[in-house]
Amino acid sequence: GPYGGWFVDKAMSLPPVNFTAEEAIAIAVALAGAESGA
């Protein structure tokens, strides 16, 4: 519609969290360690 568009469904998402570069890498490394046996 004329007043439509795109948006993020807040009910289905987490609020934004600001990580430092080191924190983001630490989380990503932990996630990367999840293999088929985990």
Full PDB file with SEQRES, HELIX, SHEET, SSBOND, CRYST1, ORIGX, SCALE, CONECT and MASTER records, all heavy atoms in Angstrom:
SEQRES   1 A   38  GLY PRO TYR GLY GLY TRP PHE VAL ASP LYS ALA MET SER          
SEQRES   2 A   38  LEU PRO PRO VAL ASN PHE THR ALA GLU GLU ALA ILE ALA          
SEQRES   3 A   38  ILE ALA VAL ALA LEU ALA GLY ALA GLU SER GLY ALA              
HELIX    1 AA1 LYS A   10  MET A   12  5                                   3    
HELIX    2 AA2 ALA A   21  ALA A   32  1                                  12    
CRYST1    1.000    1.000    1.000  90.00  90.00  90.00 P 1           1          
ORIGX1      1.000000  0.000000  0.000000        0.00000                         
ORIGX2      0.000000  1.000000  0.000000        0.00000                         
ORIGX3      0.000000  0.000000  1.000000        0.00000                         
SCALE1      1.000000  0.000000  0.000000        0.00000                         
SCALE2      0.000000  1.000000  0.000000        0.00000                         
SCALE3      0.000000  0.000000  1.000000        0.00000                         
ATOM      1  N   GLY A   1       0.803  -1.215   0.000  1.00  0.00           N  
ATOM      2  CA  GLY A   1       0.000   0.000   0.000  1.00  0.00           C  
ATOM      3  C   GLY A   1       0.838   1.267   0.000  1.00  0.00           C  
ATOM      4  O   GLY A   1       2.068   1.230   0.189  1.00  0.00           O  
ATOM      5  N   PRO A   2       0.187   2.399  -0.185  1.00  0.00           N  
ATOM      6  CA  PRO A   2       0.906   3.687  -0.283  1.00  0.00           C  
ATOM      7  C   PRO A   2       1.639   4.073   0.996  1.00  0.00           C  
ATOM      8  O   PRO A   2       2.589   4.848   0.963  1.00  0.00           O  
ATOM      9  CB  PRO A   2      -0.214   4.687  -0.608  1.00  0.00           C  
ATOM     10  CG  PRO A   2      -1.478   4.022  -0.153  1.00  0.00           C  
ATOM     11  CD  PRO A   2      -1.266   2.555  -0.355  1.00  0.00           C  
ATOM     12  N   TYR A   3       1.198   3.555   2.139  1.00  0.00           N  
ATOM     13  CA  TYR A   3       1.852   3.871   3.405  1.00  0.00           C  
ATOM     14  C   TYR A   3       2.625   2.666   3.958  1.00  0.00           C  
ATOM     15  O   TYR A   3       2.988   2.630   5.126  1.00  0.00           O  
ATOM     16  CB  TYR A   3       0.823   4.344   4.440  1.00  0.00           C  
ATOM     17  CG  TYR A   3       0.077   5.578   4.004  1.00  0.00           C  
ATOM     18  CD1 TYR A   3      -1.216   5.478   3.499  1.00  0.00           C  
ATOM     19  CD2 TYR A   3       0.675   6.830   4.066  1.00  0.00           C  
ATOM     20  CE1 TYR A   3      -1.905   6.593   3.074  1.00  0.00           C  
ATOM     21  CE2 TYR A   3      -0.008   7.964   3.656  1.00  0.00           C  
ATOM     22  CZ  TYR A   3      -1.294   7.839   3.152  1.00  0.00           C  
ATOM     23  OH  TYR A   3      -1.965   8.961   2.729  1.00  0.00           O  
ATOM     24  N   GLY A   4       2.862   1.689   3.078  1.00  0.00           N  
ATOM     25  CA  GLY A   4       3.557   0.488   3.500  1.00  0.00           C  
ATOM     26  C   GLY A   4       5.054   0.605   3.369  1.00  0.00           C  
ATOM     27  O   GLY A   4       5.607   1.675   3.099  1.00  0.00           O  
ATOM     28  N   GLY A   5       5.723  -0.519   3.556  1.00  0.00           N  
ATOM     29  CA  GLY A   5       7.175  -0.564   3.471  1.00  0.00           C  
ATOM     30  C   GLY A   5       7.707  -1.726   4.290  1.00  0.00           C  
ATOM     31  O   GLY A   5       6.983  -2.675   4.597  1.00  0.00           O  
ATOM     32  N   TRP A   6       8.985  -1.632   4.662  1.00  0.00           N  
ATOM     33  CA  TRP A   6       9.657  -2.705   5.386  1.00  0.00           C  
ATOM     34  C   TRP A   6       9.924  -2.297   6.833  1.00  0.00           C  
ATOM     35  O   TRP A   6      10.174  -1.128   7.126  1.00  0.00           O  
ATOM     36  CB  TRP A   6      10.985  -3.035   4.710  1.00  0.00           C  
ATOM     37  CG  TRP A   6      10.811  -3.711   3.382  1.00  0.00           C  
ATOM     38  CD1 TRP A   6      10.601  -3.098   2.170  1.00  0.00           C  
ATOM     39  CD2 TRP A   6      10.814  -5.111   3.133  1.00  0.00           C  
ATOM     40  NE1 TRP A   6      10.473  -4.034   1.185  1.00  0.00           N  
ATOM     41  CE2 TRP A   6      10.611  -5.283   1.738  1.00  0.00           C  
ATOM     42  CE3 TRP A   6      10.977  -6.232   3.927  1.00  0.00           C  
ATOM     43  CZ2 TRP A   6      10.562  -6.534   1.149  1.00  0.00           C  
ATOM     44  CZ3 TRP A   6      10.939  -7.473   3.346  1.00  0.00           C  
ATOM     45  CH2 TRP A   6      10.732  -7.621   1.959  1.00  0.00           C  
ATOM     46  N   PHE A   7       9.876  -3.299   7.728  1.00  0.00           N  
ATOM     47  CA  PHE A   7      10.193  -3.050   9.132  1.00  0.00           C  
ATOM     48  C   PHE A   7      10.659  -4.353   9.771  1.00  0.00           C  
ATOM     49  O   PHE A   7      10.463  -5.440   9.216  1.00  0.00           O  
ATOM     50  CB  PHE A   7       8.989  -2.480   9.888  1.00  0.00           C  
ATOM     51  CG  PHE A   7       7.816  -3.418   9.960  1.00  0.00           C  
ATOM     52  CD1 PHE A   7       7.609  -4.216  11.078  1.00  0.00           C  
ATOM     53  CD2 PHE A   7       6.904  -3.501   8.906  1.00  0.00           C  
ATOM     54  CE1 PHE A   7       6.530  -5.086  11.141  1.00  0.00           C  
ATOM     55  CE2 PHE A   7       5.815  -4.357   8.968  1.00  0.00           C  
ATOM     56  CZ  PHE A   7       5.629  -5.158  10.086  1.00  0.00           C  
ATOM     57  N   VAL A   8      11.288  -4.236  10.938  1.00  0.00           N  
ATOM     58  CA  VAL A   8      11.730  -5.396  11.709  1.00  0.00           C  
ATOM     59  C   VAL A   8      10.684  -5.709  12.762  1.00  0.00           C  
ATOM     60  O   VAL A   8      10.245  -4.818  13.495  1.00  0.00           O  
ATOM     61  CB  VAL A   8      13.096  -5.142  12.378  1.00  0.00           C  
ATOM     62  CG1 VAL A   8      13.434  -6.246  13.367  1.00  0.00           C  
ATOM     63  CG2 VAL A   8      14.185  -5.048  11.327  1.00  0.00           C  
ATOM     64  N   ASP A   9      10.275  -6.958  12.819  1.00  0.00           N  
ATOM     65  CA  ASP A   9       9.299  -7.399  13.813  1.00  0.00           C  
ATOM     66  C   ASP A   9       9.990  -7.498  15.163  1.00  0.00           C  
ATOM     67  O   ASP A   9      10.726  -8.445  15.440  1.00  0.00           O  
ATOM     68  CB  ASP A   9       8.715  -8.748  13.401  1.00  0.00           C  
ATOM     69  CG  ASP A   9       7.565  -9.183  14.313  1.00  0.00           C  
ATOM     70  OD1 ASP A   9       7.372  -8.532  15.360  1.00  0.00           O  
ATOM     71  OD2 ASP A   9       6.886 -10.159  13.967  1.00  0.00           O  
ATOM     72  N   LYS A  10       9.758  -6.518  16.025  1.00  0.00           N  
ATOM     73  CA  LYS A  10      10.434  -6.495  17.322  1.00  0.00           C  
ATOM     74  C   LYS A  10      10.019  -7.656  18.215  1.00  0.00           C  
ATOM     75  O   LYS A  10      10.769  -8.077  19.096  1.00  0.00           O  
ATOM     76  CB  LYS A  10      10.149  -5.174  18.037  1.00  0.00           C  
ATOM     77  CG  LYS A  10      10.884  -3.982  17.444  1.00  0.00           C  
ATOM     78  CD  LYS A  10      10.716  -2.758  18.314  1.00  0.00           C  
ATOM     79  CE  LYS A  10      11.559  -1.597  17.801  1.00  0.00           C  
ATOM     80  NZ  LYS A  10      11.439  -0.403  18.654  1.00  0.00           N  
ATOM     81  N   ALA A  11       8.830  -8.178  17.992  1.00  0.00           N  
ATOM     82  CA  ALA A  11       8.364  -9.291  18.816  1.00  0.00           C  
ATOM     83  C   ALA A  11       9.150 -10.566  18.545  1.00  0.00           C  
ATOM     84  O   ALA A  11       9.119 -11.503  19.333  1.00  0.00           O  
ATOM     85  CB  ALA A  11       6.883  -9.548  18.562  1.00  0.00           C  
ATOM     86  N   MET A  12       9.862 -10.608  17.411  1.00  0.00           N  
ATOM     87  CA  MET A  12      10.589 -11.827  17.043  1.00  0.00           C  
ATOM     88  C   MET A  12      12.093 -11.620  17.034  1.00  0.00           C  
ATOM     89  O   MET A  12      12.828 -12.416  16.486  1.00  0.00           O  
ATOM     90  CB  MET A  12      10.137 -12.298  15.658  1.00  0.00           C  
ATOM     91  CG  MET A  12       8.677 -12.663  15.582  1.00  0.00           C  
ATOM     92  SD  MET A  12       8.189 -13.185  13.934  1.00  0.00           S  
ATOM     93  CE  MET A  12       9.232 -14.632  13.716  1.00  0.00           C  
ATOM     94  N   SER A  13      12.583 -10.537  17.593  1.00  0.00           N  
ATOM     95  CA  SER A  13      14.022 -10.281  17.554  1.00  0.00           C  
ATOM     96  C   SER A  13      14.505  -9.777  18.895  1.00  0.00           C  
ATOM     97  O   SER A  13      13.741  -9.277  19.712  1.00  0.00           O  
ATOM     98  CB  SER A  13      14.355  -9.246  16.463  1.00  0.00           C  
ATOM     99  OG  SER A  13      13.709  -8.021  16.743  1.00  0.00           O  
ATOM    100  N   LEU A  14      15.796  -9.911  19.097  1.00  0.00           N  
ATOM    101  CA  LEU A  14      16.427  -9.420  20.310  1.00  0.00           C  
ATOM    102  C   LEU A  14      16.785  -7.949  20.149  1.00  0.00           C  
ATOM    103  O   LEU A  14      17.020  -7.485  19.036  1.00  0.00           O  
ATOM    104  CB  LEU A  14      17.690 -10.226  20.615  1.00  0.00           C  
ATOM    105  CG  LEU A  14      17.472 -11.704  20.933  1.00  0.00           C  
ATOM    106  CD1 LEU A  14      18.826 -12.396  21.055  1.00  0.00           C  
ATOM    107  CD2 LEU A  14      16.676 -11.874  22.208  1.00  0.00           C  
ATOM    108  N   PRO A  15      16.841  -7.190  21.239  1.00  0.00           N  
ATOM    109  CA  PRO A  15      17.269  -5.803  21.130  1.00  0.00           C  
ATOM    110  C   PRO A  15      18.726  -5.717  20.724  1.00  0.00           C  
ATOM    111  O   PRO A  15      19.499  -6.649  20.944  1.00  0.00           O  
ATOM    112  CB  PRO A  15      17.067  -5.261  22.559  1.00  0.00           C  
ATOM    113  CG  PRO A  15      17.144  -6.471  23.432  1.00  0.00           C  
ATOM    114  CD  PRO A  15      16.552  -7.582  22.622  1.00  0.00           C  
ATOM    115  N   PRO A  16      19.142  -4.598  20.098  1.00  0.00           N  
ATOM    116  CA  PRO A  16      20.528  -4.477  19.668  1.00  0.00           C  
ATOM    117  C   PRO A  16      21.481  -4.445  20.854  1.00  0.00           C  
ATOM    118  O   PRO A  16      21.173  -3.879  21.897  1.00  0.00           O  
ATOM    119  CB  PRO A  16      20.550  -3.146  18.902  1.00  0.00           C  
ATOM    120  CG  PRO A  16      19.389  -2.380  19.447  1.00  0.00           C  
ATOM    121  CD  PRO A  16      18.345  -3.399  19.791  1.00  0.00           C  
ATOM    122  N   VAL A  17      22.616  -5.098  20.702  1.00  0.00           N  
ATOM    123  CA  VAL A  17      23.653  -5.102  21.719  1.00  0.00           C  
ATOM    124  C   VAL A  17      24.953  -4.683  21.056  1.00  0.00           C  
ATOM    125  O   VAL A  17      25.320  -5.219  20.013  1.00  0.00           O  
ATOM    126  CB  VAL A  17      23.824  -6.495  22.357  1.00  0.00           C  
ATOM    127  CG1 VAL A  17      24.938  -6.478  23.391  1.00  0.00           C  
ATOM    128  CG2 VAL A  17      22.509  -6.943  22.991  1.00  0.00           C  
ATOM    129  N   ASN A  18      25.628  -3.728  21.635  1.00  0.00           N  
ATOM    130  CA  ASN A  18      26.875  -3.236  21.063  1.00  0.00           C  
ATOM    131  C   ASN A  18      28.047  -3.968  21.702  1.00  0.00           C  
ATOM    132  O   ASN A  18      28.305  -3.852  22.897  1.00  0.00           O  
ATOM    133  CB  ASN A  18      27.012  -1.722  21.302  1.00  0.00           C  
ATOM    134  CG  ASN A  18      25.958  -0.941  20.540  1.00  0.00           C  
ATOM    135  OD1 ASN A  18      25.648  -1.261  19.397  1.00  0.00           O  
ATOM    136  ND2 ASN A  18      25.400   0.083  21.171  1.00  0.00           N  
ATOM    137  N   PHE A  19      28.778  -4.739  20.892  1.00  0.00           N  
ATOM    138  CA  PHE A  19      29.964  -5.442  21.358  1.00  0.00           C  
ATOM    139  C   PHE A  19      31.214  -4.707  20.894  1.00  0.00           C  
ATOM    140  O   PHE A  19      31.231  -4.103  19.823  1.00  0.00           O  
ATOM    141  CB  PHE A  19      29.998  -6.869  20.787  1.00  0.00           C  
ATOM    142  CG  PHE A  19      28.893  -7.759  21.265  1.00  0.00           C  
ATOM    143  CD1 PHE A  19      27.944  -8.238  20.377  1.00  0.00           C  
ATOM    144  CD2 PHE A  19      28.801  -8.136  22.599  1.00  0.00           C  
ATOM    145  CE1 PHE A  19      26.920  -9.058  20.808  1.00  0.00           C  
ATOM    146  CE2 PHE A  19      27.782  -8.964  23.040  1.00  0.00           C  
ATOM    147  CZ  PHE A  19      26.836  -9.419  22.143  1.00  0.00           C  
ATOM    148  N   THR A  20      32.255  -4.821  21.707  1.00  0.00           N  
ATOM    149  CA  THR A  20      33.549  -4.370  21.223  1.00  0.00           C  
ATOM    150  C   THR A  20      34.055  -5.406  20.223  1.00  0.00           C  
ATOM    151  O   THR A  20      33.526  -6.523  20.144  1.00  0.00           O  
ATOM    152  CB  THR A  20      34.556  -4.247  22.378  1.00  0.00           C  
ATOM    153  OG1 THR A  20      34.804  -5.562  22.919  1.00  0.00           O  
ATOM    154  CG2 THR A  20      34.019  -3.345  23.480  1.00  0.00           C  
ATOM    155  N   ALA A  21      35.090  -5.055  19.458  1.00  0.00           N  
ATOM    156  CA  ALA A  21      35.644  -5.995  18.486  1.00  0.00           C  
ATOM    157  C   ALA A  21      36.119  -7.264  19.179  1.00  0.00           C  
ATOM    158  O   ALA A  21      35.904  -8.379  18.697  1.00  0.00           O  
ATOM    159  CB  ALA A  21      36.793  -5.345  17.715  1.00  0.00           C  
ATOM    160  N   GLU A  22      36.766  -7.105  20.349  1.00  0.00           N  
ATOM    161  CA  GLU A  22      37.271  -8.273  21.081  1.00  0.00           C  
ATOM    162  C   GLU A  22      36.123  -9.156  21.578  1.00  0.00           C  
ATOM    163  O   GLU A  22      36.201 -10.388  21.530  1.00  0.00           O  
ATOM    164  CB  GLU A  22      38.133  -7.818  22.268  1.00  0.00           C  
ATOM    165  CG  GLU A  22      39.455  -7.187  21.873  1.00  0.00           C  
ATOM    166  CD  GLU A  22      39.299  -5.733  21.446  1.00  0.00           C  
ATOM    167  OE1 GLU A  22      38.180  -5.177  21.617  1.00  0.00           O  
ATOM    168  OE2 GLU A  22      40.276  -5.164  20.939  1.00  0.00           O  
ATOM    169  N   GLU A  23      35.041  -8.520  22.054  1.00  0.00           N  
ATOM    170  CA  GLU A  23      33.898  -9.288  22.533  1.00  0.00           C  
ATOM    171  C   GLU A  23      33.235 -10.054  21.393  1.00  0.00           C  
ATOM    172  O   GLU A  23      32.853 -11.218  21.545  1.00  0.00           O  
ATOM    173  CB  GLU A  23      32.886  -8.356  23.197  1.00  0.00           C  
ATOM    174  CG  GLU A  23      33.353  -7.787  24.533  1.00  0.00           C  
ATOM    175  CD  GLU A  23      32.457  -6.678  25.046  1.00  0.00           C  
ATOM    176  OE1 GLU A  23      31.696  -6.103  24.238  1.00  0.00           O  
ATOM    177  OE2 GLU A  23      32.509  -6.380  26.248  1.00  0.00           O  
ATOM    178  N   ALA A  24      33.083  -9.402  20.246  1.00  0.00           N  
ATOM    179  CA  ALA A  24      32.466 -10.053  19.086  1.00  0.00           C  
ATOM    180  C   ALA A  24      33.301 -11.245  18.630  1.00  0.00           C  
ATOM    181  O   ALA A  24      32.765 -12.313  18.296  1.00  0.00           O  
ATOM    182  CB  ALA A  24      32.298  -9.055  17.946  1.00  0.00           C  
ATOM    183  N   ILE A  25      34.629 -11.099  18.626  1.00  0.00           N  
ATOM    184  CA  ILE A  25      35.507 -12.197  18.224  1.00  0.00           C  
ATOM    185  C   ILE A  25      35.410 -13.346  19.221  1.00  0.00           C  
ATOM    186  O   ILE A  25      35.346 -14.520  18.843  1.00  0.00           O  
ATOM    187  CB  ILE A  25      36.960 -11.707  18.096  1.00  0.00           C  
ATOM    188  CG1 ILE A  25      37.089 -10.785  16.874  1.00  0.00           C  
ATOM    189  CG2 ILE A  25      37.923 -12.885  17.958  1.00  0.00           C  
ATOM    190  CD1 ILE A  25      38.440 -10.110  16.771  1.00  0.00           C  
ATOM    191  N   ALA A  26      35.363 -13.026  20.533  1.00  0.00           N  
ATOM    192  CA  ALA A  26      35.266 -14.068  21.559  1.00  0.00           C  
ATOM    193  C   ALA A  26      33.979 -14.871  21.394  1.00  0.00           C  
ATOM    194  O   ALA A  26      33.980 -16.109  21.480  1.00  0.00           O  
ATOM    195  CB  ALA A  26      35.324 -13.432  22.950  1.00  0.00           C  
ATOM    196  N   ILE A  27      32.879 -14.189  21.138  1.00  0.00           N  
ATOM    197  CA  ILE A  27      31.598 -14.883  20.951  1.00  0.00           C  
ATOM    198  C   ILE A  27      31.647 -15.726  19.683  1.00  0.00           C  
ATOM    199  O   ILE A  27      31.203 -16.883  19.668  1.00  0.00           O  
ATOM    200  CB  ILE A  27      30.444 -13.868  20.878  1.00  0.00           C  
ATOM    201  CG1 ILE A  27      30.288 -13.165  22.231  1.00  0.00           C  
ATOM    202  CG2 ILE A  27      29.135 -14.562  20.487  1.00  0.00           C  
ATOM    203  CD1 ILE A  27      29.310 -12.012  22.207  1.00  0.00           C  
ATOM    204  N   ALA A  28      32.190 -15.157  18.617  1.00  0.00           N  
ATOM    205  CA  ALA A  28      32.246 -15.879  17.349  1.00  0.00           C  
ATOM    206  C   ALA A  28      33.131 -17.113  17.445  1.00  0.00           C  
ATOM    207  O   ALA A  28      32.804 -18.164  16.885  1.00  0.00           O  
ATOM    208  CB  ALA A  28      32.755 -14.949  16.242  1.00  0.00           C  
ATOM    209  N   VAL A  29      34.236 -17.026  18.173  1.00  0.00           N  
ATOM    210  CA  VAL A  29      35.120 -18.179  18.343  1.00  0.00           C  
ATOM    211  C   VAL A  29      34.396 -19.282  19.112  1.00  0.00           C  
ATOM    212  O   VAL A  29      34.487 -20.468  18.786  1.00  0.00           O  
ATOM    213  CB  VAL A  29      36.422 -17.778  19.058  1.00  0.00           C  
ATOM    214  CG1 VAL A  29      37.189 -19.004  19.515  1.00  0.00           C  
ATOM    215  CG2 VAL A  29      37.292 -16.934  18.129  1.00  0.00           C  
ATOM    216  N   ALA A  30      33.651 -18.898  20.168  1.00  0.00           N  
ATOM    217  CA  ALA A  30      32.899 -19.885  20.936  1.00  0.00           C  
ATOM    218  C   ALA A  30      31.848 -20.566  20.073  1.00  0.00           C  
ATOM    219  O   ALA A  30      31.661 -21.783  20.138  1.00  0.00           O  
ATOM    220  CB  ALA A  30      32.238 -19.213  22.142  1.00  0.00           C  
ATOM    221  N   LEU A  31      31.171 -19.797  19.230  1.00  0.00           N  
ATOM    222  CA  LEU A  31      30.164 -20.367  18.340  1.00  0.00           C  
ATOM    223  C   LEU A  31      30.808 -21.258  17.287  1.00  0.00           C  
ATOM    224  O   LEU A  31      30.262 -22.304  16.915  1.00  0.00           O  
ATOM    225  CB  LEU A  31      29.361 -19.256  17.666  1.00  0.00           C  
ATOM    226  CG  LEU A  31      28.460 -18.422  18.579  1.00  0.00           C  
ATOM    227  CD1 LEU A  31      27.861 -17.257  17.802  1.00  0.00           C  
ATOM    228  CD2 LEU A  31      27.349 -19.282  19.183  1.00  0.00           C  
ATOM    229  N   ALA A  32      31.971 -20.840  16.814  1.00  0.00           N  
ATOM    230  CA  ALA A  32      32.658 -21.624  15.781  1.00  0.00           C  
ATOM    231  C   ALA A  32      33.083 -22.981  16.312  1.00  0.00           C  
ATOM    232  O   ALA A  32      33.261 -23.926  15.548  1.00  0.00           O  
ATOM    233  CB  ALA A  32      33.878 -20.861  15.266  1.00  0.00           C  
ATOM    234  N   GLY A  33      33.230 -23.099  17.632  1.00  0.00           N  
ATOM    235  CA  GLY A  33      33.631 -24.367  18.220  1.00  0.00           C  
ATOM    236  C   GLY A  33      32.521 -25.389  18.287  1.00  0.00           C  
ATOM    237  O   GLY A  33      32.764 -26.539  18.620  1.00  0.00           O  
ATOM    238  N   ALA A  34      31.289 -24.989  17.980  1.00  0.00           N  
ATOM    239  CA  ALA A  34      30.159 -25.916  18.024  1.00  0.00           C  
ATOM    240  C   ALA A  34      30.194 -26.814  16.802  1.00  0.00           C  
ATOM    241  O   ALA A  34      29.910 -26.388  15.695  1.00  0.00           O  
ATOM    242  CB  ALA A  34      28.853 -25.141  18.084  1.00  0.00           C  
ATOM    243  N   GLU A  35      30.591 -28.057  16.994  1.00  0.00           N  
ATOM    244  CA  GLU A  35      30.662 -29.006  15.895  1.00  0.00           C  
ATOM    245  C   GLU A  35      29.510 -29.994  15.988  1.00  0.00           C  
ATOM    246  O   GLU A  35      28.621 -29.860  16.822  1.00  0.00           O  
ATOM    247  CB  GLU A  35      32.015 -29.714  15.924  1.00  0.00           C  
ATOM    248  CG  GLU A  35      33.187 -28.738  15.766  1.00  0.00           C  
ATOM    249  CD  GLU A  35      34.524 -29.454  15.743  1.00  0.00           C  
ATOM    250  OE1 GLU A  35      34.541 -30.689  15.895  1.00  0.00           O  
ATOM    251  OE2 GLU A  35      35.544 -28.772  15.587  1.00  0.00           O  
ATOM    252  N   SER A  36      29.513 -30.996  15.148  1.00  0.00           N  
ATOM    253  CA  SER A  36      28.403 -31.943  15.097  1.00  0.00           C  
ATOM    254  C   SER A  36      28.220 -32.704  16.403  1.00  0.00           C  
ATOM    255  O   SER A  36      27.147 -33.199  16.684  1.00  0.00           O  
ATOM    256  CB  SER A  36      28.603 -32.934  13.949  1.00  0.00           C  
ATOM    257  OG  SER A  36      29.808 -33.648  14.117  1.00  0.00           O  
ATOM    258  N   GLY A  37      29.281 -32.813  17.201  1.00  0.00           N  
ATOM    259  CA  GLY A  37      29.173 -33.537  18.455  1.00  0.00           C  
ATOM    260  C   GLY A  37      28.634 -32.709  19.593  1.00  0.00           C  
ATOM    261  O   GLY A  37      28.427 -33.225  20.678  1.00  0.00           O  
ATOM    262  N   ALA A  38      28.388 -31.430  19.397  1.00  0.00           N  
ATOM    263  CA  ALA A  38      27.930 -30.553  20.466  1.00  0.00           C  
ATOM    264  C   ALA A  38      26.430 -30.313  20.359  1.00  0.00           C  
ATOM    265  O   ALA A  38      25.899 -30.134  19.271  1.00  0.00           O  
ATOM    266  CB  ALA A  38      28.675 -29.213  20.404  1.00  0.00           C  
TER     267      ALA A  38                                                      
MASTER        0    0    0    2    0    0    0    6  266    1    0    3          
END                                                                             
